[in-house]
Amino acid sequence: MTIPNPVFFYQLFFYFSRPQVRKFIRQIEKETTKWSFLKVKTHPFGGREFNLNDREVAHIHWNGDLDILFKRELVRELIRQKIAGRHRFVPGKAVTLKLRSVKDVPAAITIIRLSYLIHTQKATKDDPKMLTATEKEIKELPYNRDILDLIN
């Protein structure tokens, strides 16, 4: 008999104990799946994972923690400006945004969009037209220069 991974029970608990988080995740999925080439799948540790060309852009656990990897300087700035918090396990490489109410959903979509555009920028570096369009959209995000200047 195989014993399930303890993470399975942890995530199962949150899946059933926080139905509002499932609603938030559905709202986020509905918006983000409109973006070109973005796919959503089950995350290995429970929740949903957002991928662009098989590379993870972000993931949300059933407990409502949205985790995103960014370069160190950007992580520091997002935390300094209180846009996101430190990630529990990789604090220098990722941020966590806690989804606790419907008011957190727009911020979650925006920070996932930031990650998506950074990944798009890398994927289109050999296509000047696409790269220019992506860089323009990055500059239109509702973040200040301290954050936007760290993206290139």
C-alpha atoms as a PDB file:
ATOM      1  CA  MET A   1       0.000   0.000   0.000  1.00  0.00           C
ATOM      2  CA  THR A   2       1.321   3.422  -0.966  1.00  0.00           C
ATOM      3  CA  ILE A   3       1.029   6.180   1.617  1.00  0.00           C
ATOM      4  CA  PRO A   4       0.082   9.543   0.055  1.00  0.00           C
ATOM      5  CA  ASN A   5       2.444  12.468   0.404  1.00  0.00           C
ATOM      6  CA  PRO A   6       1.532  14.563   3.512  1.00  0.00           C
ATOM      7  CA  VAL A   7       1.301  17.625   1.239  1.00  0.00           C
ATOM      8  CA  PHE A   8      -1.712  15.968  -0.361  1.00  0.00           C
ATOM      9  CA  PHE A   9      -3.651  16.078   2.928  1.00  0.00           C
ATOM     10  CA  TYR A  10      -2.536  19.645   3.654  1.00  0.00           C
ATOM     11  CA  GLN A  11      -3.766  20.841   0.263  1.00  0.00           C
ATOM     12  CA  LEU A  12      -6.946  18.743   0.482  1.00  0.00           C
ATOM     13  CA  PHE A  13      -7.767  20.444   3.789  1.00  0.00           C
ATOM     14  CA  PHE A  14      -7.448  23.907   2.235  1.00  0.00           C
ATOM     15  CA  TYR A  15      -9.317  22.878  -0.901  1.00  0.00           C
ATOM     16  CA  PHE A  16     -12.418  22.060   1.138  1.00  0.00           C
ATOM     17  CA  SER A  17     -12.017  24.536   3.997  1.00  0.00           C
ATOM     18  CA  ARG A  18     -11.582  27.650   1.839  1.00  0.00           C
ATOM     19  CA  PRO A  19     -14.147  27.556  -0.965  1.00  0.00           C
ATOM     20  CA  GLN A  20     -13.791  31.315  -1.461  1.00  0.00           C
ATOM     21  CA  VAL A  21     -10.172  30.777  -2.554  1.00  0.00           C
ATOM     22  CA  ARG A  22     -11.368  28.391  -5.269  1.00  0.00           C
ATOM     23  CA  LYS A  23     -13.679  31.179  -6.455  1.00  0.00           C
ATOM     24  CA  PHE A  24     -10.782  33.673  -6.561  1.00  0.00           C
ATOM     25  CA  ILE A  25      -8.663  31.178  -8.490  1.00  0.00           C
ATOM     26  CA  ARG A  26     -11.458  30.664 -11.031  1.00  0.00           C
ATOM     27  CA  GLN A  27     -11.707  34.458 -11.509  1.00  0.00           C
ATOM     28  CA  ILE A  28      -7.954  34.684 -12.047  1.00  0.00           C
ATOM     29  CA  GLU A  29      -7.978  31.733 -14.450  1.00  0.00           C
ATOM     30  CA  LYS A  30     -10.847  33.254 -16.428  1.00  0.00           C
ATOM     31  CA  GLU A  31      -8.812  36.424 -17.003  1.00  0.00           C
ATOM     32  CA  THR A  32      -5.347  34.941 -17.515  1.00  0.00           C
ATOM     33  CA  THR A  33      -6.387  32.251 -19.971  1.00  0.00           C
ATOM     34  CA  LYS A  34      -7.317  35.057 -22.390  1.00  0.00           C
ATOM     35  CA  TRP A  35      -3.593  35.833 -22.715  1.00  0.00           C
ATOM     36  CA  SER A  36      -1.723  34.366 -25.689  1.00  0.00           C
ATOM     37  CA  PHE A  37      -0.143  30.967 -25.068  1.00  0.00           C
ATOM     38  CA  LEU A  38      -0.849  30.954 -21.312  1.00  0.00           C
ATOM     39  CA  LYS A  39      -2.006  27.567 -20.072  1.00  0.00           C
ATOM     40  CA  VAL A  40      -3.256  26.546 -16.630  1.00  0.00           C
ATOM     41  CA  LYS A  41      -2.728  23.155 -15.037  1.00  0.00           C
ATOM     42  CA  THR A  42      -2.720  21.528 -11.612  1.00  0.00           C
ATOM     43  CA  HIS A  43       0.332  22.467  -9.543  1.00  0.00           C
ATOM     44  CA  PRO A  44       2.322  19.534  -8.091  1.00  0.00           C
ATOM     45  CA  PHE A  45       1.780  20.802  -4.525  1.00  0.00           C
ATOM     46  CA  GLY A  46      -1.907  21.548  -5.034  1.00  0.00           C
ATOM     47  CA  GLY A  47      -3.602  24.543  -6.555  1.00  0.00           C
ATOM     48  CA  ARG A  48      -3.194  25.905 -10.061  1.00  0.00           C
ATOM     49  CA  GLU A  49      -0.094  26.641 -12.107  1.00  0.00           C
ATOM     50  CA  PHE A  50       0.111  29.230 -14.894  1.00  0.00           C
ATOM     51  CA  ASN A  51       2.558  28.393 -17.704  1.00  0.00           C
ATOM     52  CA  LEU A  52       3.845  30.120 -20.804  1.00  0.00           C
ATOM     53  CA  ASN A  53       5.531  27.736 -23.255  1.00  0.00           C
ATOM     54  CA  ASP A  54       5.891  25.102 -20.504  1.00  0.00           C
ATOM     55  CA  ARG A  55       7.624  27.565 -18.148  1.00  0.00           C
ATOM     56  CA  GLU A  56       5.933  28.463 -14.900  1.00  0.00           C
ATOM     57  CA  VAL A  57       4.785  32.076 -14.680  1.00  0.00           C
ATOM     58  CA  ALA A  58       3.060  31.732 -11.279  1.00  0.00           C
ATOM     59  CA  HIS A  59       1.107  29.293  -9.131  1.00  0.00           C
ATOM     60  CA  ILE A  60      -1.633  29.576  -6.527  1.00  0.00           C
ATOM     61  CA  HIS A  61      -2.023  27.080  -3.696  1.00  0.00           C
ATOM     62  CA  TRP A  62      -5.458  26.127  -2.372  1.00  0.00           C
ATOM     63  CA  ASN A  63      -4.663  28.106   0.790  1.00  0.00           C
ATOM     64  CA  GLY A  64      -4.644  31.285  -1.324  1.00  0.00           C
ATOM     65  CA  ASP A  65      -0.890  31.858  -1.567  1.00  0.00           C
ATOM     66  CA  LEU A  66       0.101  33.122  -5.013  1.00  0.00           C
ATOM     67  CA  ASP A  67       3.820  32.460  -5.572  1.00  0.00           C
ATOM     68  CA  ILE A  68       5.929  33.983  -8.336  1.00  0.00           C
ATOM     69  CA  LEU A  69       9.635  33.735  -9.092  1.00  0.00           C
ATOM     70  CA  PHE A  70      11.395  36.972 -10.061  1.00  0.00           C
ATOM     71  CA  LYS A  71      15.002  38.082 -10.144  1.00  0.00           C
ATOM     72  CA  ARG A  72      16.385  39.110  -6.746  1.00  0.00           C
ATOM     73  CA  GLU A  73      16.315  42.879  -7.292  1.00  0.00           C
ATOM     74  CA  LEU A  74      12.679  42.784  -8.347  1.00  0.00           C
ATOM     75  CA  VAL A  75      11.766  40.551  -5.391  1.00  0.00           C
ATOM     76  CA  ARG A  76      13.358  43.064  -3.003  1.00  0.00           C
ATOM     77  CA  GLU A  77      11.533  45.996  -4.595  1.00  0.00           C
ATOM     78  CA  LEU A  78       8.108  44.293  -4.655  1.00  0.00           C
ATOM     79  CA  ILE A  79       8.523  43.464  -0.972  1.00  0.00           C
ATOM     80  CA  ARG A  80       9.869  46.928  -0.093  1.00  0.00           C
ATOM     81  CA  GLN A  81       6.811  48.529  -1.695  1.00  0.00           C
ATOM     82  CA  LYS A  82       4.512  46.025   0.058  1.00  0.00           C
ATOM     83  CA  ILE A  83       3.078  44.796  -3.241  1.00  0.00           C
ATOM     84  CA  ALA A  84       3.872  41.233  -2.189  1.00  0.00           C
ATOM     85  CA  GLY A  85       5.444  39.426   0.741  1.00  0.00           C
ATOM     86  CA  ARG A  86       8.443  37.165   1.166  1.00  0.00           C
ATOM     87  CA  HIS A  87       8.120  33.621  -0.063  1.00  0.00           C
ATOM     88  CA  ARG A  88       8.357  31.124   2.774  1.00  0.00           C
ATOM     89  CA  PHE A  89      10.913  28.764   1.267  1.00  0.00           C
ATOM     90  CA  VAL A  90      12.826  30.849  -1.306  1.00  0.00           C
ATOM     91  CA  PRO A  91      12.606  34.402   0.078  1.00  0.00           C
ATOM     92  CA  GLY A  92      15.283  35.865  -2.198  1.00  0.00           C
ATOM     93  CA  LYS A  93      13.921  34.403  -5.411  1.00  0.00           C
ATOM     94  CA  ALA A  94      10.141  34.585  -5.120  1.00  0.00           C
ATOM     95  CA  VAL A  95       7.285  36.597  -3.676  1.00  0.00           C
ATOM     96  CA  THR A  96       3.949  35.565  -2.229  1.00  0.00           C
ATOM     97  CA  LEU A  97       0.695  37.449  -2.535  1.00  0.00           C
ATOM     98  CA  LYS A  98      -1.964  36.194  -0.137  1.00  0.00           C
ATOM     99  CA  LEU A  99      -5.464  35.957  -1.595  1.00  0.00           C
ATOM    100  CA  ARG A 100      -7.781  36.550   1.331  1.00  0.00           C
ATOM    101  CA  SER A 101     -10.626  38.541  -0.202  1.00  0.00           C
ATOM    102  CA  VAL A 102     -12.094  39.437  -3.569  1.00  0.00           C
ATOM    103  CA  LYS A 103     -10.185  42.745  -3.292  1.00  0.00           C
ATOM    104  CA  ASP A 104      -6.924  40.799  -3.735  1.00  0.00           C
ATOM    105  CA  VAL A 105      -7.903  39.380  -7.145  1.00  0.00           C
ATOM    106  CA  PRO A 106      -7.014  42.452  -9.306  1.00  0.00           C
ATOM    107  CA  ALA A 107      -3.581  42.738  -7.658  1.00  0.00           C
ATOM    108  CA  ALA A 108      -3.027  39.021  -8.248  1.00  0.00           C
ATOM    109  CA  ILE A 109      -3.936  39.334 -11.931  1.00  0.00           C
ATOM    110  CA  THR A 110      -1.633  42.339 -12.312  1.00  0.00           C
ATOM    111  CA  ILE A 111       1.393  40.679 -10.731  1.00  0.00           C
ATOM    112  CA  ILE A 112       0.795  37.498 -12.770  1.00  0.00           C
ATOM    113  CA  ARG A 113       0.633  39.766 -15.838  1.00  0.00           C
ATOM    114  CA  LEU A 114       3.987  41.263 -14.843  1.00  0.00           C
ATOM    115  CA  SER A 115       5.537  37.788 -14.657  1.00  0.00           C
ATOM    116  CA  TYR A 116       3.835  36.761 -17.918  1.00  0.00           C
ATOM    117  CA  LEU A 117       5.211  39.823 -19.731  1.00  0.00           C
ATOM    118  CA  ILE A 118       8.721  39.222 -18.387  1.00  0.00           C
ATOM    119  CA  HIS A 119       8.536  35.644 -19.705  1.00  0.00           C
ATOM    120  CA  THR A 120       7.099  36.918 -23.018  1.00  0.00           C
ATOM    121  CA  GLN A 121       9.904  39.451 -23.263  1.00  0.00           C
ATOM    122  CA  LYS A 122      12.480  36.650 -22.945  1.00  0.00           C
ATOM    123  CA  ALA A 123      10.635  34.463 -25.458  1.00  0.00           C
ATOM    124  CA  THR A 124      10.386  37.246 -28.068  1.00  0.00           C
ATOM    125  CA  LYS A 125      13.908  38.669 -27.756  1.00  0.00           C
ATOM    126  CA  ASP A 126      14.618  37.697 -31.389  1.00  0.00           C
ATOM    127  CA  ASP A 127      11.452  39.366 -32.713  1.00  0.00           C
ATOM    128  CA  PRO A 128      11.919  43.163 -32.533  1.00  0.00           C
ATOM    129  CA  LYS A 129       8.254  43.944 -33.244  1.00  0.00           C
ATOM    130  CA  MET A 130       6.949  41.618 -30.505  1.00  0.00           C
ATOM    131  CA  LEU A 131       9.659  42.735 -28.105  1.00  0.00           C
ATOM    132  CA  THR A 132       8.723  46.393 -28.589  1.00  0.00           C
ATOM    133  CA  ALA A 133       5.024  45.628 -28.017  1.00  0.00           C
ATOM    134  CA  THR A 134       5.824  43.641 -24.870  1.00  0.00           C
ATOM    135  CA  GLU A 135       8.087  46.372 -23.474  1.00  0.00           C
ATOM    136  CA  LYS A 136       5.372  48.956 -24.166  1.00  0.00           C
ATOM    137  CA  GLU A 137       2.819  46.890 -22.268  1.00  0.00           C
ATOM    138  CA  ILE A 138       5.210  46.429 -19.339  1.00  0.00           C
ATOM    139  CA  LYS A 139       5.551  50.210 -19.059  1.00  0.00           C
ATOM    140  CA  GLU A 140       1.747  50.525 -18.931  1.00  0.00           C
ATOM    141  CA  LEU A 141       1.456  48.313 -15.836  1.00  0.00           C
ATOM    142  CA  PRO A 142       0.372  50.163 -12.670  1.00  0.00           C
ATOM    143  CA  TYR A 143       3.817  49.977 -11.048  1.00  0.00           C
ATOM    144  CA  ASN A 144       6.233  52.821 -10.408  1.00  0.00           C
ATOM    145  CA  ARG A 145       9.601  53.388 -12.111  1.00  0.00           C
ATOM    146  CA  ASP A 146      11.532  51.685  -9.300  1.00  0.00           C
ATOM    147  CA  ILE A 147       9.890  48.410 -10.290  1.00  0.00           C
ATOM    148  CA  LEU A 148       9.635  48.929 -14.060  1.00  0.00           C
ATOM    149  CA  ASP A 149      13.319  49.896 -14.374  1.00  0.00           C
ATOM    150  CA  LEU A 150      14.301  46.501 -12.910  1.00  0.00           C
ATOM    151  CA  ILE A 151      12.582  44.529 -15.652  1.00  0.00           C
ATOM    152  CA  ASN A 152      14.977  44.972 -18.584  1.00  0.00           C
END
